[in-house]
Amino acid sequence: MNLIRFFSILLVALTFAACASKPKEEVAEKPAIEDQSADEIYGNAQDALTNRRFVEAANLFNEVERLYPYSNVAEDSQLYAAVSYYKDLRYDEAVIALDRYIQLYPGSDNLDYAYYLRALCYYDQITDVRRDQEITKQALDSLNLLIRRFPDSEYARDGEYKRDLTLDHLAGKEMEIGRYYLTRGHYQAAIHRFLNVVENYQTTTHTPEALHRLVEAYLALGIEQEAFRVALVLGHNYPGSEWYADTYELLDPVQRQKMLESRSFVDKTIESIFRPN
């Protein structure tokens, strides 16, 4: 046999023998969860949350609260369980966990965050304006509750921004329905929707169009005086709006001249537009 080949075979054989002679490393089994301390379970839960194993994290945080309800990490565990559910998009379970947290720890320093996260559970589910807006209304109620209870909280500031977007969304839904009625000749139903936007969502981006659509609906019904009064409000509040330009085109020459000459308004006149006799 070739000498080099012999030594090569011998070297391989010795390597396998050395490997075979090493004892197998024993894998330490984790103790049953009942045998772990609150801090151990909590630490494992935090590790699962950090590594995006949200279901495991939620289960472990719940175990802390179940096994050690009076431990120093029980309160945080209840809140983090809700966070885990939220991150896993299990919004219903997150809301249940947050409601329980709010009930159990009304004096918590994290109470404003709990209310904020609860509002996000609804806010993040807001769907297309063409669909049912019940979730949007729940988001608005939850955001208002957060802002009312914790006006100085950092979460309230973001809540105000999200509330504005939510209001805009609800106004958009009203506008969609109102336009539907308007194009089908159901003018009274359309007027009801557009007035709702002007009265209840007047800070949204939809108000100028709502005023313009009111002018269209009143003119279609032959109520020219009411149409002109709404046009005055539109011209006063949104003189640079494209909707004002469109409304101006709907008016007759006499009304247009009055629009140009009118620069002041009496409060009761403006109010009467939304509460016509």
Protein backbone atom coordinates (compact mmCIF):
# COMPACT_ATOMS: atom_id res chain seq x y z
CA MET A 1 0.00 0.00 0.00
CA ASN A 2 1.18 3.49 -0.76
CA LEU A 3 2.72 4.94 2.43
CA ILE A 4 1.00 8.33 2.12
CA ARG A 5 -2.38 6.66 1.61
CA PHE A 6 -1.78 4.44 4.65
CA PHE A 7 -1.09 7.39 6.93
CA SER A 8 -4.12 9.24 5.59
CA ILE A 9 -6.40 6.31 6.44
CA LEU A 10 -4.78 6.00 9.85
CA LEU A 11 -5.33 9.71 10.57
CA VAL A 12 -9.03 9.51 9.68
CA ALA A 13 -9.50 6.45 11.87
CA LEU A 14 -7.82 8.14 14.82
CA THR A 15 -10.04 11.21 14.37
CA PHE A 16 -13.23 9.12 14.44
CA ALA A 17 -11.98 7.26 17.48
CA ALA A 18 -11.26 10.49 19.31
CA CYS A 19 -14.73 11.82 18.53
CA ALA A 20 -16.37 8.59 19.64
CA SER A 21 -14.49 8.64 22.92
CA LYS A 22 -15.87 12.11 23.90
CA PRO A 23 -18.85 11.86 26.24
CA LYS A 24 -22.10 13.38 24.95
CA GLU A 25 -22.92 16.74 26.45
CA GLU A 26 -26.05 16.61 28.49
CA VAL A 27 -28.66 19.27 27.69
CA ALA A 28 -29.98 20.74 30.87
CA GLU A 29 -33.73 20.68 30.98
CA LYS A 30 -35.57 23.75 32.14
CA PRO A 31 -37.45 23.27 35.36
CA ALA A 32 -41.24 23.20 35.18
CA ILE A 33 -42.69 26.66 35.10
CA GLU A 34 -44.21 26.15 38.54
CA ASP A 35 -40.68 25.60 39.87
CA GLN A 36 -39.34 28.84 38.39
CA SER A 37 -39.26 32.10 40.28
CA ALA A 38 -41.27 35.13 39.21
CA ASP A 39 -38.11 36.86 38.00
CA GLU A 40 -37.07 33.82 35.95
CA ILE A 41 -40.41 33.57 34.16
CA TYR A 42 -40.49 37.32 33.67
CA GLY A 43 -36.98 37.28 32.20
CA ASN A 44 -37.91 34.49 29.77
CA ALA A 45 -41.04 36.42 28.80
CA GLN A 46 -39.02 39.56 28.09
CA ASP A 47 -36.61 37.51 25.99
CA ALA A 48 -39.52 36.09 23.97
CA LEU A 49 -40.96 39.57 23.47
CA THR A 50 -37.61 40.99 22.36
CA ASN A 51 -37.25 38.18 19.83
CA ARG A 52 -40.81 38.70 18.53
CA ARG A 53 -42.19 35.44 19.87
CA PHE A 54 -45.29 37.29 20.92
CA VAL A 55 -47.59 34.38 21.73
CA GLU A 56 -44.97 32.77 23.93
CA ALA A 57 -44.28 36.11 25.59
CA ALA A 58 -47.95 36.72 26.36
CA ASN A 59 -48.33 33.25 27.83
CA LEU A 60 -45.28 33.67 30.05
CA PHE A 61 -46.31 37.11 31.28
CA ASN A 62 -49.71 35.68 32.14
CA GLU A 63 -48.00 32.87 34.05
CA VAL A 64 -46.14 35.41 36.17
CA GLU A 65 -49.41 37.07 37.08
CA ARG A 66 -51.09 33.72 37.71
CA LEU A 67 -48.37 32.12 39.82
CA TYR A 68 -47.03 35.24 41.55
CA PRO A 69 -49.87 37.80 41.69
CA TYR A 70 -48.22 39.71 44.55
CA SER A 71 -44.68 39.72 43.18
CA ASN A 72 -42.83 42.90 42.24
CA VAL A 73 -43.14 42.02 38.53
CA ALA A 74 -46.83 41.06 38.50
CA GLU A 75 -48.02 44.54 37.50
CA ASP A 76 -45.53 44.90 34.66
CA SER A 77 -46.31 41.37 33.50
CA GLN A 78 -50.00 42.20 33.11
CA LEU A 79 -49.16 45.25 31.01
CA TYR A 80 -46.55 43.45 28.93
CA ALA A 81 -49.00 40.63 28.21
CA ALA A 82 -51.25 43.24 26.63
CA VAL A 83 -48.29 44.63 24.68
CA SER A 84 -47.50 41.14 23.39
CA TYR A 85 -51.09 40.62 22.25
CA TYR A 86 -51.07 44.01 20.55
CA LYS A 87 -47.85 43.32 18.68
CA ASP A 88 -49.28 39.99 17.54
CA LEU A 89 -52.36 41.88 16.22
CA ARG A 90 -54.61 40.08 18.69
CA TYR A 91 -56.47 43.27 19.49
CA ASP A 92 -59.46 41.79 21.32
CA GLU A 93 -57.21 39.95 23.74
CA ALA A 94 -55.08 43.05 24.19
CA VAL A 95 -58.13 45.14 25.10
CA ILE A 96 -59.27 42.51 27.63
CA ALA A 97 -55.81 42.47 29.21
CA LEU A 98 -55.67 46.28 29.31
CA ASP A 99 -59.12 46.57 30.85
CA ARG A 100 -58.03 44.17 33.56
CA TYR A 101 -54.79 46.09 34.11
CA ILE A 102 -56.69 49.38 34.41
CA GLN A 103 -59.06 47.81 36.93
CA LEU A 104 -56.32 46.17 39.01
CA TYR A 105 -53.81 49.03 39.00
CA PRO A 106 -55.73 52.33 38.94
CA GLY A 107 -52.82 54.13 40.57
CA SER A 108 -50.14 52.87 38.20
CA ASP A 109 -47.58 55.27 36.76
CA ASN A 110 -48.19 53.55 33.42
CA LEU A 111 -51.94 54.09 33.44
CA ASP A 112 -51.79 56.72 30.68
CA TYR A 113 -49.86 54.28 28.49
CA ALA A 114 -52.46 51.58 29.15
CA TYR A 115 -55.24 53.90 27.96
CA TYR A 116 -53.13 54.91 24.97
CA LEU A 117 -52.44 51.32 23.97
CA ARG A 118 -56.13 50.51 24.36
CA ALA A 119 -56.98 53.33 21.96
CA LEU A 120 -54.38 52.04 19.50
CA CYS A 121 -56.04 48.63 19.51
CA TYR A 122 -59.06 50.28 17.89
CA TYR A 123 -57.20 52.93 15.91
CA ASP A 124 -55.02 50.39 14.12
CA GLN A 125 -58.13 48.56 12.93
CA ILE A 126 -59.68 51.56 11.18
CA THR A 127 -60.64 50.35 7.73
CA ASP A 128 -61.48 51.87 4.40
CA VAL A 129 -64.04 54.67 4.56
CA ARG A 130 -66.41 52.58 2.45
CA ARG A 131 -66.84 50.01 5.24
CA ASP A 132 -68.69 50.08 8.55
CA GLN A 133 -67.13 52.61 10.92
CA GLU A 134 -68.02 51.11 14.32
CA ILE A 135 -64.34 50.46 15.08
CA THR A 136 -63.55 54.06 14.10
CA LYS A 137 -66.12 55.32 16.61
CA GLN A 138 -64.61 53.10 19.31
CA ALA A 139 -61.19 54.51 18.46
CA LEU A 140 -62.54 58.05 18.78
CA ASP A 141 -64.16 57.30 22.15
CA SER A 142 -60.96 55.72 23.46
CA LEU A 143 -58.79 58.60 22.23
CA ASN A 144 -61.14 61.14 23.81
CA LEU A 145 -60.99 59.23 27.10
CA LEU A 146 -57.18 59.25 27.01
CA ILE A 147 -57.03 62.99 26.27
CA ARG A 148 -59.64 63.84 28.90
CA ARG A 149 -58.03 61.80 31.69
CA PHE A 150 -54.39 62.56 30.91
CA PRO A 151 -54.25 65.94 29.15
CA ASP A 152 -50.59 66.49 30.04
CA SER A 153 -49.36 63.05 29.07
CA GLU A 154 -46.96 62.55 26.17
CA TYR A 155 -49.41 59.95 24.88
CA ALA A 156 -52.26 62.48 24.93
CA ARG A 157 -50.38 64.64 22.45
CA ASP A 158 -50.15 61.79 19.98
CA GLY A 159 -53.73 60.92 20.85
CA GLU A 160 -54.86 64.38 19.75
CA TYR A 161 -53.17 63.91 16.39
CA LYS A 162 -54.79 60.51 15.93
CA ARG A 163 -58.15 61.89 17.06
CA ASP A 164 -58.01 64.48 14.26
CA LEU A 165 -57.33 61.74 11.74
CA THR A 166 -60.16 59.67 13.18
CA LEU A 167 -62.59 62.58 12.95
CA ASP A 168 -61.53 63.15 9.36
CA HIS A 169 -62.20 59.51 8.63
CA LEU A 170 -65.69 59.64 10.12
CA ALA A 171 -66.43 62.85 8.23
CA GLY A 172 -65.26 61.16 5.05
CA LYS A 173 -67.78 58.39 5.63
CA GLU A 174 -70.58 60.93 6.06
CA MET A 175 -69.50 62.67 2.87
CA GLU A 176 -69.51 59.40 0.95
CA ILE A 177 -73.07 58.65 2.03
CA GLY A 178 -74.17 62.22 1.39
CA ARG A 179 -72.77 62.21 -2.14
CA TYR A 180 -74.52 58.90 -2.77
CA TYR A 181 -77.88 60.41 -1.81
CA LEU A 182 -77.19 63.61 -3.72
CA THR A 183 -76.43 61.89 -7.01
CA ARG A 184 -79.64 59.87 -6.69
CA GLY A 185 -81.87 62.83 -5.98
CA HIS A 186 -82.46 62.08 -2.29
CA TYR A 187 -81.74 65.67 -1.34
CA GLN A 188 -83.14 65.75 2.18
CA ALA A 189 -81.11 62.68 3.16
CA ALA A 190 -78.02 64.24 1.57
CA ILE A 191 -78.57 67.53 3.43
CA HIS A 192 -78.77 65.63 6.72
CA ARG A 193 -75.36 64.04 6.11
CA PHE A 194 -73.66 67.24 4.98
CA LEU A 195 -75.06 69.21 7.93
CA ASN A 196 -73.68 66.51 10.24
CA VAL A 197 -70.20 67.10 8.82
CA VAL A 198 -70.48 70.88 9.21
CA GLU A 199 -71.85 70.68 12.75
CA ASN A 200 -69.88 67.78 14.23
CA TYR A 201 -66.72 67.58 12.11
CA GLN A 202 -66.14 71.22 11.30
CA THR A 203 -62.39 71.05 11.97
CA THR A 204 -61.85 68.37 9.33
CA THR A 205 -60.76 68.77 5.73
CA HIS A 206 -64.23 67.80 4.51
CA THR A 207 -66.07 70.92 5.72
CA PRO A 208 -65.59 73.08 2.59
CA GLU A 209 -66.96 70.34 0.34
CA ALA A 210 -69.84 69.71 2.75
CA LEU A 211 -70.83 73.38 2.50
CA HIS A 212 -70.61 73.27 -1.29
CA ARG A 213 -72.75 70.11 -1.43
CA LEU A 214 -75.32 71.80 0.78
CA VAL A 215 -75.54 74.62 -1.75
CA GLU A 216 -76.04 72.05 -4.51
CA ALA A 217 -78.77 70.24 -2.57
CA TYR A 218 -80.64 73.41 -1.62
CA LEU A 219 -80.53 74.71 -5.18
CA ALA A 220 -81.82 71.36 -6.44
CA LEU A 221 -84.77 71.73 -4.06
CA GLY A 222 -85.32 75.32 -5.17
CA ILE A 223 -84.42 76.75 -1.75
CA GLU A 224 -82.26 79.51 -3.18
CA GLN A 225 -82.13 81.73 -0.10
CA GLU A 226 -80.82 78.90 2.07
CA ALA A 227 -78.31 77.96 -0.63
CA PHE A 228 -77.06 81.55 -0.75
CA ARG A 229 -76.70 81.76 3.03
CA VAL A 230 -74.57 78.59 3.06
CA ALA A 231 -72.52 80.00 0.18
CA LEU A 232 -71.82 83.11 2.29
CA VAL A 233 -70.43 80.96 5.10
CA LEU A 234 -68.27 79.05 2.63
CA GLY A 235 -66.93 82.25 1.11
CA HIS A 236 -66.24 83.76 4.52
CA ASN A 237 -64.40 80.78 6.00
CA TYR A 238 -62.77 79.25 2.92
CA PRO A 239 -62.30 82.06 0.37
CA GLY A 240 -59.34 80.34 -1.28
CA SER A 241 -60.96 76.91 -1.50
CA GLU A 242 -61.70 75.21 -4.81
CA TRP A 243 -65.14 74.44 -3.36
CA TYR A 244 -65.80 78.14 -2.96
CA ALA A 245 -64.93 78.66 -6.62
CA ASP A 246 -67.32 75.87 -7.63
CA THR A 247 -70.06 77.31 -5.42
CA TYR A 248 -69.57 80.77 -6.90
CA GLU A 249 -70.22 79.34 -10.35
CA LEU A 250 -73.57 77.94 -9.18
CA LEU A 251 -74.92 81.34 -8.16
CA ASP A 252 -76.73 83.82 -10.38
CA PRO A 253 -75.11 87.21 -11.18
CA VAL A 254 -76.98 89.07 -8.45
CA GLN A 255 -75.93 86.56 -5.80
CA ARG A 256 -72.35 86.64 -7.06
CA GLN A 257 -72.25 90.39 -6.63
CA LYS A 258 -73.61 90.07 -3.11
CA MET A 259 -70.94 87.46 -2.38
CA LEU A 260 -68.23 89.88 -3.46
CA GLU A 261 -69.69 92.76 -1.46
CA SER A 262 -70.28 90.74 1.71
CA ARG A 263 -67.35 90.91 4.12
CA SER A 264 -69.02 90.67 7.55
CA PHE A 265 -71.43 88.21 9.13
CA VAL A 266 -73.83 88.24 12.05
CA ASP A 267 -73.45 85.22 14.34
CA LYS A 268 -77.15 84.44 14.44
CA THR A 269 -77.28 84.42 10.66
CA ILE A 270 -74.53 81.82 10.44
CA GLU A 271 -76.14 79.73 13.17
CA SER A 272 -79.49 79.81 11.40
CA ILE A 273 -77.91 78.04 8.43
CA PHE A 274 -77.42 74.94 10.53
CA ARG A 275 -80.70 75.30 12.41
CA PRO A 276 -83.12 76.50 9.71
CA ASN A 277 -86.68 77.31 10.73
